[in-house]
Amino acid sequence: MSQAAISASGYGAIELKQVAKKYAYWALAIATVIHLIFLGGYWATVYLAKEEAPPMRTVRLKYTELGPPPSIQGSAAAVAPSVSVASPTARPSVGIPVPVPDAEVSPEQTFASQTEMSQVTGPVGEGTGEGGTAVIEQDINVENIEEEEAPPPDFVPFEKEPVVVKKVEPTYPELARKAGLEGTVWVKMWVDKEGKVKDVVILKSSSEIFNQPAIDAAKQWIFTPALMKTGPVSVWISMNFNFKLN
């Protein structure tokens, strides 16, 4: 249909805009009503689903209106069951004096007093020498008993470090020599207050065959002890032994 025909019929763009706007308002109103119905139904269901709490009633009483409390003795007597205890079938005989006939009693028998009992000495064993028992006394010199010295901690402060006085080279293992093996052993040596090596600990080793020769050699080393203001101290020092073939 041409523009001229639409204009002749009296229905054009203006009428279409008006109709579209009217139906848009109607659609918005209907959608709003539908939403309100759904929301109202939902909230009505939730409200009806809630259980109504029973009404609370507050009652105020005076202290004088309260009755006396129940008796403790009466309730205990009603609750506690009675327990029957059977009496012993035979009477105990411990501690009951038994009379002795007069014929068996010695008239010369008497009881010693506490003074007489205190004067009695203990039994003495038989010996070959003259006199009484011999008491062996032994004096123990505490100063001669040396306390076992514990190893020092890993770090001990000192002012003067130990200096090697005697050095012993380790013995090259014969198997390592034949096999052409070379290596290095790092050890930790405990130098006591006299400068002697009391213990050796392997820190790292390139081959276990060199461990024991390194330990045996390190135990023969002698140092000057490490010094502090208070005197010599025990310390740990690290050393390495190189095993090389000529």
C-alpha atoms as a PDB file:
ATOM      1  CA  MET A   1       0.000   0.000   0.000  1.00  0.00           C
ATOM      2  CA  SER A   2       1.485   3.342  -0.925  1.00  0.00           C
ATOM      3  CA  GLN A   3       1.848   6.378   1.290  1.00  0.00           C
ATOM      4  CA  ALA A   4      -0.940   8.149  -0.543  1.00  0.00           C
ATOM      5  CA  ALA A   5      -3.349   5.235   0.012  1.00  0.00           C
ATOM      6  CA  ILE A   6      -2.498   5.089   3.766  1.00  0.00           C
ATOM      7  CA  SER A   7      -3.076   8.843   4.057  1.00  0.00           C
ATOM      8  CA  ALA A   8      -6.400   8.484   2.236  1.00  0.00           C
ATOM      9  CA  SER A   9      -7.584   5.716   4.594  1.00  0.00           C
ATOM     10  CA  GLY A  10      -6.868   7.895   7.685  1.00  0.00           C
ATOM     11  CA  TYR A  11      -4.380   5.460   9.321  1.00  0.00           C
ATOM     12  CA  GLY A  12      -0.692   6.404   9.315  1.00  0.00           C
ATOM     13  CA  ALA A  13       2.451   6.732  11.427  1.00  0.00           C
ATOM     14  CA  ILE A  14       0.798   8.923  14.034  1.00  0.00           C
ATOM     15  CA  GLU A  15      -1.951   6.373  14.716  1.00  0.00           C
ATOM     16  CA  LEU A  16       0.591   3.545  14.902  1.00  0.00           C
ATOM     17  CA  LYS A  17       2.664   5.449  17.480  1.00  0.00           C
ATOM     18  CA  GLN A  18      -0.400   6.071  19.610  1.00  0.00           C
ATOM     19  CA  VAL A  19      -1.533   2.456  19.442  1.00  0.00           C
ATOM     20  CA  ALA A  20       1.978   1.191  20.265  1.00  0.00           C
ATOM     21  CA  LYS A  21       2.246   3.491  23.254  1.00  0.00           C
ATOM     22  CA  LYS A  22      -1.184   2.395  24.548  1.00  0.00           C
ATOM     23  CA  TYR A  23      -0.344  -1.284  24.285  1.00  0.00           C
ATOM     24  CA  ALA A  24       3.047  -0.682  25.943  1.00  0.00           C
ATOM     25  CA  TYR A  25       1.284   0.834  28.965  1.00  0.00           C
ATOM     26  CA  TRP A  26      -1.138  -2.085  29.083  1.00  0.00           C
ATOM     27  CA  ALA A  27       1.712  -4.608  28.919  1.00  0.00           C
ATOM     28  CA  LEU A  28       3.588  -2.842  31.726  1.00  0.00           C
ATOM     29  CA  ALA A  29       0.492  -2.788  33.900  1.00  0.00           C
ATOM     30  CA  ILE A  30      -0.245  -6.471  33.309  1.00  0.00           C
ATOM     31  CA  ALA A  31       3.382  -7.446  34.039  1.00  0.00           C
ATOM     32  CA  THR A  32       3.302  -5.431  37.263  1.00  0.00           C
ATOM     33  CA  VAL A  33       0.076  -7.130  38.366  1.00  0.00           C
ATOM     34  CA  ILE A  34       1.492 -10.573  37.619  1.00  0.00           C
ATOM     35  CA  HIS A  35       4.651  -9.830  39.620  1.00  0.00           C
ATOM     36  CA  LEU A  36       2.624  -8.541  42.541  1.00  0.00           C
ATOM     37  CA  ILE A  37       0.465 -11.690  42.507  1.00  0.00           C
ATOM     38  CA  PHE A  38       3.530 -13.977  42.537  1.00  0.00           C
ATOM     39  CA  LEU A  39       5.299 -11.981  45.258  1.00  0.00           C
ATOM     40  CA  GLY A  40       2.132 -11.757  47.368  1.00  0.00           C
ATOM     41  CA  GLY A  41       1.552 -15.488  47.083  1.00  0.00           C
ATOM     42  CA  TYR A  42       5.147 -16.233  48.080  1.00  0.00           C
ATOM     43  CA  TRP A  43       5.112 -14.013  51.140  1.00  0.00           C
ATOM     44  CA  ALA A  44       1.662 -15.266  52.127  1.00  0.00           C
ATOM     45  CA  THR A  45       2.936 -18.841  51.992  1.00  0.00           C
ATOM     46  CA  VAL A  46       5.958 -17.960  54.118  1.00  0.00           C
ATOM     47  CA  TYR A  47       3.836 -16.150  56.648  1.00  0.00           C
ATOM     48  CA  LEU A  48       1.324 -18.970  56.944  1.00  0.00           C
ATOM     49  CA  ALA A  49       4.106 -21.574  57.236  1.00  0.00           C
ATOM     50  CA  LYS A  50       5.468 -19.987  60.397  1.00  0.00           C
ATOM     51  CA  GLU A  51       4.360 -21.684  63.590  1.00  0.00           C
ATOM     52  CA  GLU A  52       2.616 -19.377  65.900  1.00  0.00           C
ATOM     53  CA  ALA A  53       4.429 -19.216  69.257  1.00  0.00           C
ATOM     54  CA  PRO A  54       2.270 -19.930  72.271  1.00  0.00           C
ATOM     55  CA  PRO A  55       1.359 -16.839  74.230  1.00  0.00           C
ATOM     56  CA  MET A  56       3.605 -16.122  77.217  1.00  0.00           C
ATOM     57  CA  ARG A  57       1.928 -15.412  80.502  1.00  0.00           C
ATOM     58  CA  THR A  58       3.865 -13.839  83.336  1.00  0.00           C
ATOM     59  CA  VAL A  59       2.736 -14.755  86.825  1.00  0.00           C
ATOM     60  CA  ARG A  60       4.124 -12.858  89.787  1.00  0.00           C
ATOM     61  CA  LEU A  61       4.035 -14.449  93.219  1.00  0.00           C
ATOM     62  CA  LYS A  62       5.151 -13.138  96.570  1.00  0.00           C
ATOM     63  CA  TYR A  63       7.707 -15.015  98.668  1.00  0.00           C
ATOM     64  CA  THR A  64       5.138 -15.422 101.428  1.00  0.00           C
ATOM     65  CA  GLU A  65       2.739 -17.175  99.041  1.00  0.00           C
ATOM     66  CA  LEU A  66       5.240 -19.972  98.322  1.00  0.00           C
ATOM     67  CA  GLY A  67       4.827 -23.180 100.263  1.00  0.00           C
ATOM     68  CA  PRO A  68       7.574 -24.850 102.366  1.00  0.00           C
ATOM     69  CA  PRO A  69      10.202 -26.847 100.448  1.00  0.00           C
ATOM     70  CA  PRO A  70       9.979 -30.623 100.465  1.00  0.00           C
ATOM     71  CA  SER A  71      11.825 -32.444 103.244  1.00  0.00           C
ATOM     72  CA  ILE A  72      15.261 -33.802 102.306  1.00  0.00           C
ATOM     73  CA  GLN A  73      15.034 -36.656 104.775  1.00  0.00           C
ATOM     74  CA  GLY A  74      11.674 -37.731 103.493  1.00  0.00           C
ATOM     75  CA  SER A  75      12.764 -37.733  99.849  1.00  0.00           C
ATOM     76  CA  ALA A  76      16.050 -39.512 100.654  1.00  0.00           C
ATOM     77  CA  ALA A  77      14.223 -42.143 102.675  1.00  0.00           C
ATOM     78  CA  ALA A  78      11.815 -42.692  99.817  1.00  0.00           C
ATOM     79  CA  VAL A  79      14.487 -42.939  97.138  1.00  0.00           C
ATOM     80  CA  ALA A  80      17.401 -44.697  98.838  1.00  0.00           C
ATOM     81  CA  PRO A  81      16.936 -48.485  98.837  1.00  0.00           C
ATOM     82  CA  SER A  82      17.574 -50.443 101.961  1.00  0.00           C
ATOM     83  CA  VAL A  83      20.674 -52.650 101.907  1.00  0.00           C
ATOM     84  CA  SER A  84      20.838 -55.650 104.162  1.00  0.00           C
ATOM     85  CA  VAL A  85      24.265 -56.527 105.552  1.00  0.00           C
ATOM     86  CA  ALA A  86      24.812 -60.105 106.536  1.00  0.00           C
ATOM     87  CA  SER A  87      26.503 -60.679 109.886  1.00  0.00           C
ATOM     88  CA  PRO A  88      29.694 -62.770 109.920  1.00  0.00           C
ATOM     89  CA  THR A  89      29.152 -66.469 110.469  1.00  0.00           C
ATOM     90  CA  ALA A  90      32.177 -66.811 112.778  1.00  0.00           C
ATOM     91  CA  ARG A  91      33.567 -64.300 115.208  1.00  0.00           C
ATOM     92  CA  PRO A  92      37.170 -63.266 114.596  1.00  0.00           C
ATOM     93  CA  SER A  93      39.689 -64.788 116.957  1.00  0.00           C
ATOM     94  CA  VAL A  94      42.511 -62.315 116.346  1.00  0.00           C
ATOM     95  CA  GLY A  95      43.420 -60.308 119.420  1.00  0.00           C
ATOM     96  CA  ILE A  96      41.379 -62.415 121.839  1.00  0.00           C
ATOM     97  CA  PRO A  97      43.509 -63.586 124.773  1.00  0.00           C
ATOM     98  CA  VAL A  98      43.470 -67.292 125.434  1.00  0.00           C
ATOM     99  CA  PRO A  99      43.853 -68.371 129.058  1.00  0.00           C
ATOM    100  CA  VAL A 100      46.793 -70.675 129.851  1.00  0.00           C
ATOM    101  CA  PRO A 101      46.703 -73.221 132.651  1.00  0.00           C
ATOM    102  CA  ASP A 102      48.711 -72.273 135.736  1.00  0.00           C
ATOM    103  CA  ALA A 103      50.788 -75.430 135.431  1.00  0.00           C
ATOM    104  CA  GLU A 104      52.320 -74.253 132.160  1.00  0.00           C
ATOM    105  CA  VAL A 105      53.261 -70.791 133.445  1.00  0.00           C
ATOM    106  CA  SER A 106      56.874 -70.388 134.616  1.00  0.00           C
ATOM    107  CA  PRO A 107      57.082 -68.437 137.869  1.00  0.00           C
ATOM    108  CA  GLU A 108      60.556 -67.151 136.986  1.00  0.00           C
ATOM    109  CA  GLN A 109      59.480 -65.622 133.689  1.00  0.00           C
ATOM    110  CA  THR A 110      59.402 -61.813 133.738  1.00  0.00           C
ATOM    111  CA  PHE A 111      59.111 -59.050 131.177  1.00  0.00           C
ATOM    112  CA  ALA A 112      62.097 -56.799 130.560  1.00  0.00           C
ATOM    113  CA  SER A 113      61.676 -53.079 131.007  1.00  0.00           C
ATOM    114  CA  GLN A 114      62.567 -50.492 128.385  1.00  0.00           C
ATOM    115  CA  THR A 115      65.771 -49.583 130.269  1.00  0.00           C
ATOM    116  CA  GLU A 116      66.926 -53.200 130.263  1.00  0.00           C
ATOM    117  CA  MET A 117      66.067 -53.644 126.604  1.00  0.00           C
ATOM    118  CA  SER A 118      68.063 -50.520 125.625  1.00  0.00           C
ATOM    119  CA  GLN A 119      71.182 -51.903 127.331  1.00  0.00           C
ATOM    120  CA  VAL A 120      71.119 -55.123 125.307  1.00  0.00           C
ATOM    121  CA  THR A 121      73.631 -55.036 122.445  1.00  0.00           C
ATOM    122  CA  GLY A 122      73.170 -56.698 119.085  1.00  0.00           C
ATOM    123  CA  PRO A 123      74.494 -60.178 118.326  1.00  0.00           C
ATOM    124  CA  VAL A 124      78.241 -60.360 117.778  1.00  0.00           C
ATOM    125  CA  GLY A 125      79.690 -62.791 115.247  1.00  0.00           C
ATOM    126  CA  GLU A 126      82.520 -65.122 116.028  1.00  0.00           C
ATOM    127  CA  GLY A 127      85.995 -63.895 115.116  1.00  0.00           C
ATOM    128  CA  THR A 128      89.582 -65.090 115.352  1.00  0.00           C
ATOM    129  CA  GLY A 129      91.022 -61.965 116.936  1.00  0.00           C
ATOM    130  CA  GLU A 130      90.625 -60.655 120.392  1.00  0.00           C
ATOM    131  CA  GLY A 131      87.923 -58.235 121.241  1.00  0.00           C
ATOM    132  CA  GLY A 132      84.652 -57.541 119.540  1.00  0.00           C
ATOM    133  CA  THR A 133      83.732 -57.114 115.925  1.00  0.00           C
ATOM    134  CA  ALA A 134      86.133 -55.350 113.604  1.00  0.00           C
ATOM    135  CA  VAL A 135      84.862 -52.401 111.623  1.00  0.00           C
ATOM    136  CA  ILE A 136      86.570 -51.886 108.266  1.00  0.00           C
ATOM    137  CA  GLU A 137      86.838 -48.251 107.307  1.00  0.00           C
ATOM    138  CA  GLN A 138      87.881 -47.079 103.887  1.00  0.00           C
ATOM    139  CA  ASP A 139      88.658 -43.504 102.999  1.00  0.00           C
ATOM    140  CA  ILE A 140      87.624 -42.444  99.555  1.00  0.00           C
ATOM    141  CA  ASN A 141      89.549 -39.608  98.011  1.00  0.00           C
ATOM    142  CA  VAL A 142      87.002 -37.639  96.038  1.00  0.00           C
ATOM    143  CA  GLU A 143      89.688 -35.634  94.285  1.00  0.00           C
ATOM    144  CA  ASN A 144      91.080 -38.771  92.617  1.00  0.00           C
ATOM    145  CA  ILE A 145      87.732 -39.554  91.057  1.00  0.00           C
ATOM    146  CA  GLU A 146      87.692 -37.686  87.794  1.00  0.00           C
ATOM    147  CA  GLU A 147      84.333 -36.717  86.447  1.00  0.00           C
ATOM    148  CA  GLU A 148      83.747 -37.801  82.922  1.00  0.00           C
ATOM    149  CA  GLU A 149      83.953 -34.710  80.779  1.00  0.00           C
ATOM    150  CA  ALA A 150      81.059 -34.147  78.431  1.00  0.00           C
ATOM    151  CA  PRO A 151      81.746 -33.043  74.858  1.00  0.00           C
ATOM    152  CA  PRO A 152      81.539 -29.286  74.310  1.00  0.00           C
ATOM    153  CA  PRO A 153      78.834 -27.652  72.177  1.00  0.00           C
ATOM    154  CA  ASP A 154      79.462 -27.009  68.510  1.00  0.00           C
ATOM    155  CA  PHE A 155      80.369 -23.380  69.174  1.00  0.00           C
ATOM    156  CA  VAL A 156      82.556 -22.383  72.125  1.00  0.00           C
ATOM    157  CA  PRO A 157      83.990 -18.844  72.302  1.00  0.00           C
ATOM    158  CA  PHE A 158      87.724 -18.628  72.943  1.00  0.00           C
ATOM    159  CA  GLU A 159      90.425 -15.971  72.798  1.00  0.00           C
ATOM    160  CA  LYS A 160      93.306 -18.174  71.651  1.00  0.00           C
ATOM    161  CA  GLU A 161      92.715 -21.034  69.242  1.00  0.00           C
ATOM    162  CA  PRO A 162      94.450 -24.414  69.535  1.00  0.00           C
ATOM    163  CA  VAL A 163      97.821 -24.781  67.787  1.00  0.00           C
ATOM    164  CA  VAL A 164      99.098 -28.109  66.448  1.00  0.00           C
ATOM    165  CA  VAL A 165     102.042 -29.442  68.459  1.00  0.00           C
ATOM    166  CA  LYS A 166     102.190 -32.980  67.090  1.00  0.00           C
ATOM    167  CA  LYS A 167     100.861 -33.993  63.677  1.00  0.00           C
ATOM    168  CA  VAL A 168     100.487 -37.594  62.481  1.00  0.00           C
ATOM    169  CA  GLU A 169      99.876 -38.381  58.824  1.00  0.00           C
ATOM    170  CA  PRO A 170      97.268 -41.047  58.089  1.00  0.00           C
ATOM    171  CA  THR A 171      98.254 -44.416  56.641  1.00  0.00           C
ATOM    172  CA  TYR A 172      97.273 -44.848  53.030  1.00  0.00           C
ATOM    173  CA  PRO A 173      95.010 -47.915  52.657  1.00  0.00           C
ATOM    174  CA  GLU A 174      96.661 -50.653  50.617  1.00  0.00           C
ATOM    175  CA  LEU A 175      93.477 -51.444  48.705  1.00  0.00           C
ATOM    176  CA  ALA A 176      93.071 -47.782  47.746  1.00  0.00           C
ATOM    177  CA  ARG A 177      96.708 -47.647  46.683  1.00  0.00           C
ATOM    178  CA  LYS A 178      96.340 -50.711  44.461  1.00  0.00           C
ATOM    179  CA  ALA A 179      93.086 -49.414  43.003  1.00  0.00           C
ATOM    180  CA  GLY A 180      94.574 -45.956  42.434  1.00  0.00           C
ATOM    181  CA  LEU A 181      91.926 -44.226  44.579  1.00  0.00           C
ATOM    182  CA  GLU A 182      92.396 -40.719  45.942  1.00  0.00           C
ATOM    183  CA  GLY A 183      90.135 -38.703  48.222  1.00  0.00           C
ATOM    184  CA  THR A 184      89.644 -36.261  51.074  1.00  0.00           C
ATOM    185  CA  VAL A 185      88.123 -36.736  54.523  1.00  0.00           C
ATOM    186  CA  TRP A 186      86.774 -33.800  56.563  1.00  0.00           C
ATOM    187  CA  VAL A 187      86.684 -34.503  60.314  1.00  0.00           C
ATOM    188  CA  LYS A 188      85.642 -32.685  63.491  1.00  0.00           C
ATOM    189  CA  MET A 189      88.076 -33.147  66.385  1.00  0.00           C
ATOM    190  CA  TRP A 190      87.286 -32.651  70.068  1.00  0.00           C
ATOM    191  CA  VAL A 191      90.308 -31.009  71.714  1.00  0.00           C
ATOM    192  CA  ASP A 192      90.058 -31.127  75.506  1.00  0.00           C
ATOM    193  CA  LYS A 193      91.492 -28.745  78.094  1.00  0.00           C
ATOM    194  CA  GLU A 194      94.872 -30.528  77.928  1.00  0.00           C
ATOM    195  CA  GLY A 195      95.133 -30.274  74.147  1.00  0.00           C
ATOM    196  CA  LYS A 196      94.470 -33.970  73.529  1.00  0.00           C
ATOM    197  CA  VAL A 197      92.020 -35.257  70.938  1.00  0.00           C
ATOM    198  CA  LYS A 198      89.283 -37.140  72.773  1.00  0.00           C
ATOM    199  CA  ASP A 199      86.898 -37.833  69.903  1.00  0.00           C
ATOM    200  CA  VAL A 200      86.761 -37.585  66.111  1.00  0.00           C
ATOM    201  CA  VAL A 201      83.596 -37.253  64.002  1.00  0.00           C
ATOM    202  CA  ILE A 202      83.471 -37.658  60.216  1.00  0.00           C
ATOM    203  CA  LEU A 203      81.837 -34.636  58.598  1.00  0.00           C
ATOM    204  CA  LYS A 204      82.288 -35.532  54.936  1.00  0.00           C
ATOM    205  CA  SER A 205      84.221 -38.142  53.000  1.00  0.00           C
ATOM    206  CA  SER A 206      84.813 -38.786  49.327  1.00  0.00           C
ATOM    207  CA  SER A 207      85.269 -42.513  50.008  1.00  0.00           C
ATOM    208  CA  GLU A 208      84.593 -44.607  53.119  1.00  0.00           C
ATOM    209  CA  ILE A 209      87.860 -46.508  52.727  1.00  0.00           C
ATOM    210  CA  PHE A 210      89.738 -43.414  53.996  1.00  0.00           C
ATOM    211  CA  ASN A 211      87.528 -42.808  57.080  1.00  0.00           C
ATOM    212  CA  GLN A 212      89.217 -45.102  59.594  1.00  0.00           C
ATOM    213  CA  PRO A 213      92.814 -44.109  58.703  1.00  0.00           C
ATOM    214  CA  ALA A 214      91.804 -40.438  59.124  1.00  0.00           C
ATOM    215  CA  ILE A 215      90.231 -41.126  62.524  1.00  0.00           C
ATOM    216  CA  ASP A 216      93.255 -43.118  63.744  1.00  0.00           C
ATOM    217  CA  ALA A 217      95.642 -40.341  62.695  1.00  0.00           C
ATOM    218  CA  ALA A 218      93.516 -37.526  64.147  1.00  0.00           C
ATOM    219  CA  LYS A 219      93.362 -39.166  67.586  1.00  0.00           C
ATOM    220  CA  GLN A 220      97.184 -39.002  67.779  1.00  0.00           C
ATOM    221  CA  TRP A 221      97.365 -35.243  67.190  1.00  0.00           C
ATOM    222  CA  ILE A 222      98.289 -32.959  70.095  1.00  0.00           C
ATOM    223  CA  PHE A 223      97.399 -29.268  70.365  1.00  0.00           C
ATOM    224  CA  THR A 224      97.874 -26.399  72.710  1.00  0.00           C
ATOM    225  CA  PRO A 225      94.492 -25.986  74.452  1.00  0.00           C
ATOM    226  CA  ALA A 226      92.118 -23.192  73.535  1.00  0.00           C
ATOM    227  CA  LEU A 227      92.270 -20.382  76.090  1.00  0.00           C
ATOM    228  CA  MET A 228      89.777 -18.024  77.643  1.00  0.00           C
ATOM    229  CA  LYS A 229      90.150 -15.557  80.502  1.00  0.00           C
ATOM    230  CA  THR A 230      89.036 -18.255  82.927  1.00  0.00           C
ATOM    231  CA  GLY A 231      91.529 -20.792  81.572  1.00  0.00           C
ATOM    232  CA  PRO A 232      91.639 -23.619  79.008  1.00  0.00           C
ATOM    233  CA  VAL A 233      88.383 -24.768  77.412  1.00  0.00           C
ATOM    234  CA  SER A 234      87.333 -27.765  75.339  1.00  0.00           C
ATOM    235  CA  VAL A 235      86.461 -27.004  71.723  1.00  0.00           C
ATOM    236  CA  TRP A 236      85.678 -28.671  68.408  1.00  0.00           C
ATOM    237  CA  ILE A 237      87.948 -27.921  65.447  1.00  0.00           C
ATOM    238  CA  SER A 238      87.590 -28.986  61.829  1.00  0.00           C
ATOM    239  CA  MET A 239      90.394 -30.541  59.791  1.00  0.00           C
ATOM    240  CA  ASN A 240      90.709 -32.317  56.445  1.00  0.00           C
ATOM    241  CA  PHE A 241      93.009 -35.174  55.435  1.00  0.00           C
ATOM    242  CA  ASN A 242      94.006 -35.484  51.781  1.00  0.00           C
ATOM    243  CA  PHE A 243      94.882 -38.882  50.351  1.00  0.00           C
ATOM    244  CA  LYS A 244      96.878 -38.490  47.141  1.00  0.00           C
ATOM    245  CA  LEU A 245      99.180 -40.865  45.302  1.00  0.00           C
ATOM    246  CA  ASN A 246     102.640 -39.707  44.264  1.00  0.00           C
END
